[in-house]
Amino acid sequence: MSQRIERRKHPRLKDKDISIRLSGEGVSAITQSLDVSASGVYCKVDRKIPLMTRVRITLSFPSSGKRSGKKDMEIDGVVVREHPVKKDGKIEHYDIAIFFNTLMPRERKTLIEYINSKKG
């Protein structure tokens, strides 16, 4: 029996508390994350978004610590994976993976802290 080797640099967190707004290159969608890491986000959308499409992502996630409410973060990304999810032979939605291609160190740190706070 072979073990699957994790190649990801950053751990993923399954978290539907993160709202996502996508825009750019003919794309406009609002959804929730399926999972998130400090290098990208996986979510579902209602239409196909071609690979390598550049998008502007607004992540809205719960504030950590004593502050309540939401924290918004705007990040540029690129769609690196997409596949249709079918039910009864019909496409129900598309799952897409978006790589954060311009995440600043401060933003990466904020995401890592959020992910670690939820895993703990």
N, C-alpha and C. Protein backbone atom coordinates (compact mmCIF):
# COMPACT_ATOMS: atom_id res chain seq x y z
N MET A 1 0.85 -1.17 0.00
CA MET A 1 0.00 0.00 0.00
C MET A 1 0.89 1.24 0.00
N SER A 2 0.69 2.14 -0.93
CA SER A 2 1.52 3.34 -0.99
C SER A 2 0.84 4.50 -0.28
N GLN A 3 1.67 5.33 0.32
CA GLN A 3 1.15 6.51 0.99
C GLN A 3 1.20 7.68 0.02
N ARG A 4 0.24 8.55 0.14
CA ARG A 4 0.20 9.74 -0.69
C ARG A 4 1.10 10.79 -0.05
N ILE A 5 1.99 11.34 -0.84
CA ILE A 5 2.93 12.35 -0.35
C ILE A 5 2.35 13.73 -0.57
N GLU A 6 2.27 14.51 0.49
CA GLU A 6 1.77 15.88 0.42
C GLU A 6 2.86 16.78 -0.13
N ARG A 7 2.59 17.40 -1.27
CA ARG A 7 3.58 18.27 -1.91
C ARG A 7 3.32 19.75 -1.65
N ARG A 8 2.24 20.06 -1.01
CA ARG A 8 1.90 21.46 -0.79
C ARG A 8 2.82 22.09 0.24
N LYS A 9 3.17 23.33 -0.03
CA LYS A 9 4.06 24.07 0.87
C LYS A 9 3.31 24.56 2.12
N HIS A 10 2.03 24.90 1.93
CA HIS A 10 1.23 25.44 3.03
C HIS A 10 0.04 24.51 3.30
N PRO A 11 -0.27 24.27 4.57
CA PRO A 11 -1.42 23.41 4.89
C PRO A 11 -2.74 24.06 4.48
N ARG A 12 -3.69 23.20 4.13
CA ARG A 12 -5.02 23.68 3.75
C ARG A 12 -5.97 23.56 4.93
N LEU A 13 -6.97 24.43 4.91
CA LEU A 13 -8.01 24.42 5.93
C LEU A 13 -9.36 24.36 5.24
N LYS A 14 -10.14 23.34 5.55
CA LYS A 14 -11.51 23.30 5.04
C LYS A 14 -12.30 24.29 5.88
N ASP A 15 -12.81 25.33 5.22
CA ASP A 15 -13.45 26.42 5.95
C ASP A 15 -14.49 27.10 5.07
N LYS A 16 -15.75 26.88 5.38
CA LYS A 16 -16.82 27.51 4.60
C LYS A 16 -17.21 28.87 5.19
N ASP A 17 -16.48 29.34 6.22
CA ASP A 17 -16.76 30.65 6.81
C ASP A 17 -16.14 31.78 6.01
N ILE A 18 -15.35 31.46 4.99
CA ILE A 18 -14.69 32.48 4.19
C ILE A 18 -15.53 32.76 2.95
N SER A 19 -16.00 33.99 2.85
CA SER A 19 -16.74 34.42 1.66
C SER A 19 -15.74 34.90 0.61
N ILE A 20 -16.07 34.67 -0.65
CA ILE A 20 -15.18 35.02 -1.74
C ILE A 20 -15.95 35.79 -2.80
N ARG A 21 -15.35 36.89 -3.26
CA ARG A 21 -15.88 37.61 -4.41
C ARG A 21 -14.80 37.58 -5.48
N LEU A 22 -15.14 37.11 -6.68
CA LEU A 22 -14.20 37.04 -7.79
C LEU A 22 -14.61 38.06 -8.84
N SER A 23 -13.62 38.70 -9.45
CA SER A 23 -13.90 39.64 -10.53
C SER A 23 -12.71 39.68 -11.48
N GLY A 24 -12.98 40.14 -12.71
CA GLY A 24 -11.92 40.31 -13.70
C GLY A 24 -12.09 39.41 -14.90
N GLU A 25 -11.54 39.83 -16.04
CA GLU A 25 -11.54 39.06 -17.29
C GLU A 25 -12.87 38.36 -17.55
N GLY A 26 -13.97 39.11 -17.46
CA GLY A 26 -15.28 38.53 -17.71
C GLY A 26 -15.82 37.67 -16.59
N VAL A 27 -15.19 37.73 -15.43
CA VAL A 27 -15.58 36.91 -14.28
C VAL A 27 -16.23 37.78 -13.21
N SER A 28 -17.35 37.32 -12.71
CA SER A 28 -18.01 37.96 -11.59
C SER A 28 -18.76 36.87 -10.83
N ALA A 29 -18.32 36.59 -9.61
CA ALA A 29 -18.95 35.52 -8.83
C ALA A 29 -18.79 35.78 -7.35
N ILE A 30 -19.76 35.32 -6.59
CA ILE A 30 -19.71 35.35 -5.13
C ILE A 30 -19.93 33.92 -4.66
N THR A 31 -19.05 33.45 -3.77
CA THR A 31 -19.13 32.06 -3.31
C THR A 31 -18.47 31.94 -1.94
N GLN A 32 -18.33 30.71 -1.44
CA GLN A 32 -17.60 30.42 -0.21
C GLN A 32 -16.44 29.50 -0.53
N SER A 33 -15.44 29.52 0.33
CA SER A 33 -14.29 28.64 0.12
C SER A 33 -14.67 27.20 0.47
N LEU A 34 -14.06 26.27 -0.24
CA LEU A 34 -14.11 24.87 0.15
C LEU A 34 -12.90 24.59 1.03
N ASP A 35 -11.76 25.14 0.62
CA ASP A 35 -10.58 25.15 1.48
C ASP A 35 -9.67 26.30 1.06
N VAL A 36 -8.79 26.66 1.98
CA VAL A 36 -7.90 27.80 1.77
C VAL A 36 -6.54 27.47 2.35
N SER A 37 -5.50 28.04 1.75
CA SER A 37 -4.15 27.94 2.30
C SER A 37 -3.48 29.29 2.08
N ALA A 38 -2.24 29.40 2.49
CA ALA A 38 -1.51 30.65 2.30
C ALA A 38 -1.01 30.79 0.86
N SER A 39 -1.34 29.83 0.00
CA SER A 39 -0.94 29.95 -1.40
C SER A 39 -2.12 29.94 -2.37
N GLY A 40 -3.33 29.66 -1.88
CA GLY A 40 -4.48 29.68 -2.78
C GLY A 40 -5.77 29.29 -2.12
N VAL A 41 -6.82 29.27 -2.93
CA VAL A 41 -8.15 28.95 -2.42
C VAL A 41 -8.83 28.01 -3.41
N TYR A 42 -9.68 27.14 -2.88
CA TYR A 42 -10.46 26.19 -3.67
C TYR A 42 -11.92 26.52 -3.40
N CYS A 43 -12.70 26.72 -4.47
CA CYS A 43 -14.10 27.10 -4.29
C CYS A 43 -14.93 26.59 -5.45
N LYS A 44 -16.25 26.77 -5.34
CA LYS A 44 -17.12 26.35 -6.42
C LYS A 44 -17.80 27.58 -7.02
N VAL A 45 -17.98 27.53 -8.33
CA VAL A 45 -18.64 28.61 -9.06
C VAL A 45 -19.69 28.01 -9.98
N ASP A 46 -20.60 28.86 -10.46
CA ASP A 46 -21.71 28.34 -11.26
C ASP A 46 -21.43 28.24 -12.76
N ARG A 47 -20.25 28.71 -13.20
CA ARG A 47 -19.92 28.56 -14.62
C ARG A 47 -18.43 28.30 -14.78
N LYS A 48 -18.07 27.79 -15.94
CA LYS A 48 -16.68 27.44 -16.21
C LYS A 48 -15.84 28.72 -16.30
N ILE A 49 -14.70 28.69 -15.63
CA ILE A 49 -13.71 29.77 -15.74
C ILE A 49 -12.45 29.11 -16.30
N PRO A 50 -12.03 29.52 -17.48
CA PRO A 50 -10.88 28.85 -18.12
C PRO A 50 -9.60 28.92 -17.29
N LEU A 51 -8.77 27.89 -17.45
CA LEU A 51 -7.47 27.87 -16.80
C LEU A 51 -6.67 29.10 -17.20
N MET A 52 -5.85 29.56 -16.28
CA MET A 52 -4.96 30.71 -16.45
C MET A 52 -5.69 32.05 -16.50
N THR A 53 -7.00 32.06 -16.18
CA THR A 53 -7.74 33.31 -16.09
C THR A 53 -7.27 34.06 -14.86
N ARG A 54 -6.93 35.33 -15.04
CA ARG A 54 -6.54 36.18 -13.92
C ARG A 54 -7.79 36.72 -13.25
N VAL A 55 -7.82 36.65 -11.92
CA VAL A 55 -8.97 37.12 -11.17
C VAL A 55 -8.51 37.97 -9.99
N ARG A 56 -9.39 38.86 -9.57
CA ARG A 56 -9.20 39.64 -8.35
C ARG A 56 -10.09 38.98 -7.31
N ILE A 57 -9.50 38.57 -6.20
CA ILE A 57 -10.21 37.84 -5.15
C ILE A 57 -10.36 38.73 -3.93
N THR A 58 -11.57 38.83 -3.43
CA THR A 58 -11.77 39.47 -2.13
C THR A 58 -12.17 38.37 -1.17
N LEU A 59 -11.28 38.08 -0.22
CA LEU A 59 -11.58 37.10 0.83
C LEU A 59 -12.15 37.86 2.01
N SER A 60 -13.22 37.37 2.56
CA SER A 60 -13.81 37.96 3.76
C SER A 60 -13.92 36.86 4.79
N PHE A 61 -13.13 36.98 5.85
CA PHE A 61 -13.11 35.92 6.86
C PHE A 61 -13.24 36.51 8.25
N PRO A 62 -13.70 35.69 9.21
CA PRO A 62 -13.89 36.19 10.58
C PRO A 62 -12.59 36.73 11.16
N SER A 63 -12.69 37.85 11.84
CA SER A 63 -11.52 38.41 12.52
C SER A 63 -11.11 37.49 13.65
N SER A 64 -9.82 37.40 13.86
CA SER A 64 -9.32 36.57 14.96
C SER A 64 -9.09 37.44 16.18
N GLY A 65 -8.91 36.80 17.29
CA GLY A 65 -8.64 37.54 18.52
C GLY A 65 -9.90 38.10 19.13
N LYS A 66 -9.76 39.25 19.79
CA LYS A 66 -10.87 39.84 20.53
C LYS A 66 -11.84 40.62 19.64
N ARG A 67 -11.37 40.99 18.43
CA ARG A 67 -12.24 41.74 17.53
C ARG A 67 -13.25 40.81 16.87
N SER A 68 -14.49 41.26 16.79
CA SER A 68 -15.50 40.47 16.09
C SER A 68 -15.74 41.11 14.73
N GLY A 69 -16.44 40.40 13.88
CA GLY A 69 -16.71 40.92 12.55
C GLY A 69 -15.87 40.20 11.50
N LYS A 70 -15.78 40.82 10.35
CA LYS A 70 -15.07 40.22 9.22
C LYS A 70 -13.85 41.05 8.84
N LYS A 71 -12.86 40.37 8.29
CA LYS A 71 -11.67 41.00 7.76
C LYS A 71 -11.65 40.73 6.26
N ASP A 72 -11.46 41.78 5.47
CA ASP A 72 -11.39 41.62 4.02
C ASP A 72 -9.96 41.74 3.55
N MET A 73 -9.64 40.93 2.54
CA MET A 73 -8.30 40.94 1.97
C MET A 73 -8.47 40.82 0.45
N GLU A 74 -7.84 41.72 -0.31
CA GLU A 74 -7.90 41.65 -1.76
C GLU A 74 -6.59 41.09 -2.29
N ILE A 75 -6.71 40.08 -3.16
CA ILE A 75 -5.55 39.35 -3.66
C ILE A 75 -5.75 39.08 -5.15
N ASP A 76 -4.69 39.17 -5.92
CA ASP A 76 -4.75 38.76 -7.33
C ASP A 76 -4.43 37.28 -7.40
N GLY A 77 -5.09 36.59 -8.32
CA GLY A 77 -4.86 35.16 -8.47
C GLY A 77 -5.05 34.70 -9.89
N VAL A 78 -4.73 33.43 -10.10
CA VAL A 78 -4.85 32.79 -11.40
C VAL A 78 -5.53 31.43 -11.21
N VAL A 79 -6.53 31.15 -12.05
CA VAL A 79 -7.20 29.85 -11.99
C VAL A 79 -6.23 28.79 -12.52
N VAL A 80 -5.90 27.83 -11.68
CA VAL A 80 -4.91 26.80 -12.06
C VAL A 80 -5.53 25.41 -12.20
N ARG A 81 -6.76 25.26 -11.75
CA ARG A 81 -7.44 23.98 -11.90
C ARG A 81 -8.94 24.23 -11.89
N GLU A 82 -9.65 23.52 -12.74
CA GLU A 82 -11.11 23.59 -12.73
C GLU A 82 -11.65 22.27 -13.22
N HIS A 83 -12.76 21.88 -12.63
CA HIS A 83 -13.43 20.69 -13.15
C HIS A 83 -14.92 20.76 -12.84
N PRO A 84 -15.71 20.25 -13.77
CA PRO A 84 -17.16 20.26 -13.55
C PRO A 84 -17.56 19.19 -12.54
N VAL A 85 -18.54 19.51 -11.73
CA VAL A 85 -19.12 18.55 -10.79
C VAL A 85 -20.50 18.19 -11.35
N LYS A 86 -20.66 16.92 -11.66
CA LYS A 86 -21.90 16.47 -12.30
C LYS A 86 -22.80 15.72 -11.33
N LYS A 87 -24.09 15.88 -11.55
CA LYS A 87 -25.10 15.14 -10.80
C LYS A 87 -26.15 14.72 -11.80
N ASP A 88 -26.44 13.44 -11.83
CA ASP A 88 -27.40 12.89 -12.79
C ASP A 88 -27.04 13.26 -14.23
N GLY A 89 -25.75 13.27 -14.53
CA GLY A 89 -25.29 13.53 -15.88
C GLY A 89 -25.26 14.99 -16.29
N LYS A 90 -25.68 15.89 -15.40
CA LYS A 90 -25.69 17.33 -15.72
C LYS A 90 -24.67 18.05 -14.84
N ILE A 91 -24.06 19.08 -15.40
CA ILE A 91 -23.10 19.87 -14.62
C ILE A 91 -23.86 20.70 -13.60
N GLU A 92 -23.51 20.48 -12.32
CA GLU A 92 -24.15 21.20 -11.22
C GLU A 92 -23.39 22.50 -10.91
N HIS A 93 -22.06 22.41 -10.90
CA HIS A 93 -21.21 23.58 -10.68
C HIS A 93 -19.79 23.19 -11.06
N TYR A 94 -18.88 24.15 -10.94
CA TYR A 94 -17.46 23.91 -11.22
C TYR A 94 -16.65 24.16 -9.96
N ASP A 95 -15.75 23.25 -9.64
CA ASP A 95 -14.79 23.47 -8.56
C ASP A 95 -13.54 24.04 -9.20
N ILE A 96 -13.04 25.15 -8.64
CA ILE A 96 -11.84 25.77 -9.19
C ILE A 96 -10.80 26.01 -8.10
N ALA A 97 -9.55 25.91 -8.49
CA ALA A 97 -8.44 26.23 -7.60
C ALA A 97 -7.79 27.50 -8.13
N ILE A 98 -7.56 28.44 -7.23
CA ILE A 98 -6.96 29.72 -7.59
C ILE A 98 -5.66 29.88 -6.81
N PHE A 99 -4.58 30.11 -7.53
CA PHE A 99 -3.27 30.35 -6.94
C PHE A 99 -3.13 31.85 -6.70
N PHE A 100 -2.72 32.22 -5.47
CA PHE A 100 -2.48 33.63 -5.15
C PHE A 100 -1.12 34.01 -5.74
N ASN A 101 -1.11 34.80 -6.79
CA ASN A 101 0.16 35.11 -7.44
C ASN A 101 0.79 36.42 -6.99
N THR A 102 0.11 37.22 -6.18
CA THR A 102 0.70 38.47 -5.71
C THR A 102 0.51 38.68 -4.21
N LEU A 103 0.48 37.62 -3.46
CA LEU A 103 0.25 37.72 -2.02
C LEU A 103 1.48 38.32 -1.34
N MET A 104 1.27 39.42 -0.65
CA MET A 104 2.35 40.09 0.06
C MET A 104 2.67 39.33 1.35
N PRO A 105 3.90 39.43 1.85
CA PRO A 105 4.27 38.71 3.09
C PRO A 105 3.33 38.99 4.26
N ARG A 106 2.89 40.22 4.42
CA ARG A 106 1.98 40.58 5.53
C ARG A 106 0.64 39.86 5.36
N GLU A 107 0.15 39.79 4.12
CA GLU A 107 -1.11 39.09 3.85
C GLU A 107 -0.96 37.59 4.08
N ARG A 108 0.16 37.02 3.63
CA ARG A 108 0.42 35.59 3.83
C ARG A 108 0.45 35.28 5.33
N LYS A 109 1.09 36.15 6.10
CA LYS A 109 1.16 35.97 7.56
C LYS A 109 -0.25 35.99 8.17
N THR A 110 -1.09 36.92 7.71
CA THR A 110 -2.46 37.01 8.22
C THR A 110 -3.23 35.73 7.93
N LEU A 111 -3.09 35.21 6.71
CA LEU A 111 -3.77 33.97 6.35
C LEU A 111 -3.26 32.79 7.18
N ILE A 112 -1.94 32.70 7.34
CA ILE A 112 -1.36 31.61 8.13
C ILE A 112 -1.86 31.67 9.57
N GLU A 113 -1.91 32.87 10.14
CA GLU A 113 -2.40 33.01 11.52
C GLU A 113 -3.86 32.59 11.62
N TYR A 114 -4.68 32.98 10.63
CA TYR A 114 -6.09 32.59 10.64
C TYR A 114 -6.22 31.06 10.55
N ILE A 115 -5.50 30.46 9.61
CA ILE A 115 -5.56 29.00 9.43
C ILE A 115 -5.11 28.29 10.70
N ASN A 116 -4.01 28.75 11.29
CA ASN A 116 -3.52 28.12 12.52
C ASN A 116 -4.50 28.28 13.67
N SER A 117 -5.20 29.41 13.75
CA SER A 117 -6.16 29.63 14.84
C SER A 117 -7.36 28.68 14.71
N LYS A 118 -7.70 28.29 13.49
CA LYS A 118 -8.83 27.40 13.27
C LYS A 118 -8.45 25.92 13.46
N LYS A 119 -7.19 25.61 13.25
CA LYS A 119 -6.73 24.22 13.37
C LYS A 119 -6.49 23.84 14.83
N GLY A 120 -6.14 24.82 15.63
CA GLY A 120 -5.74 24.58 17.00
C GLY A 120 -6.84 24.11 17.86
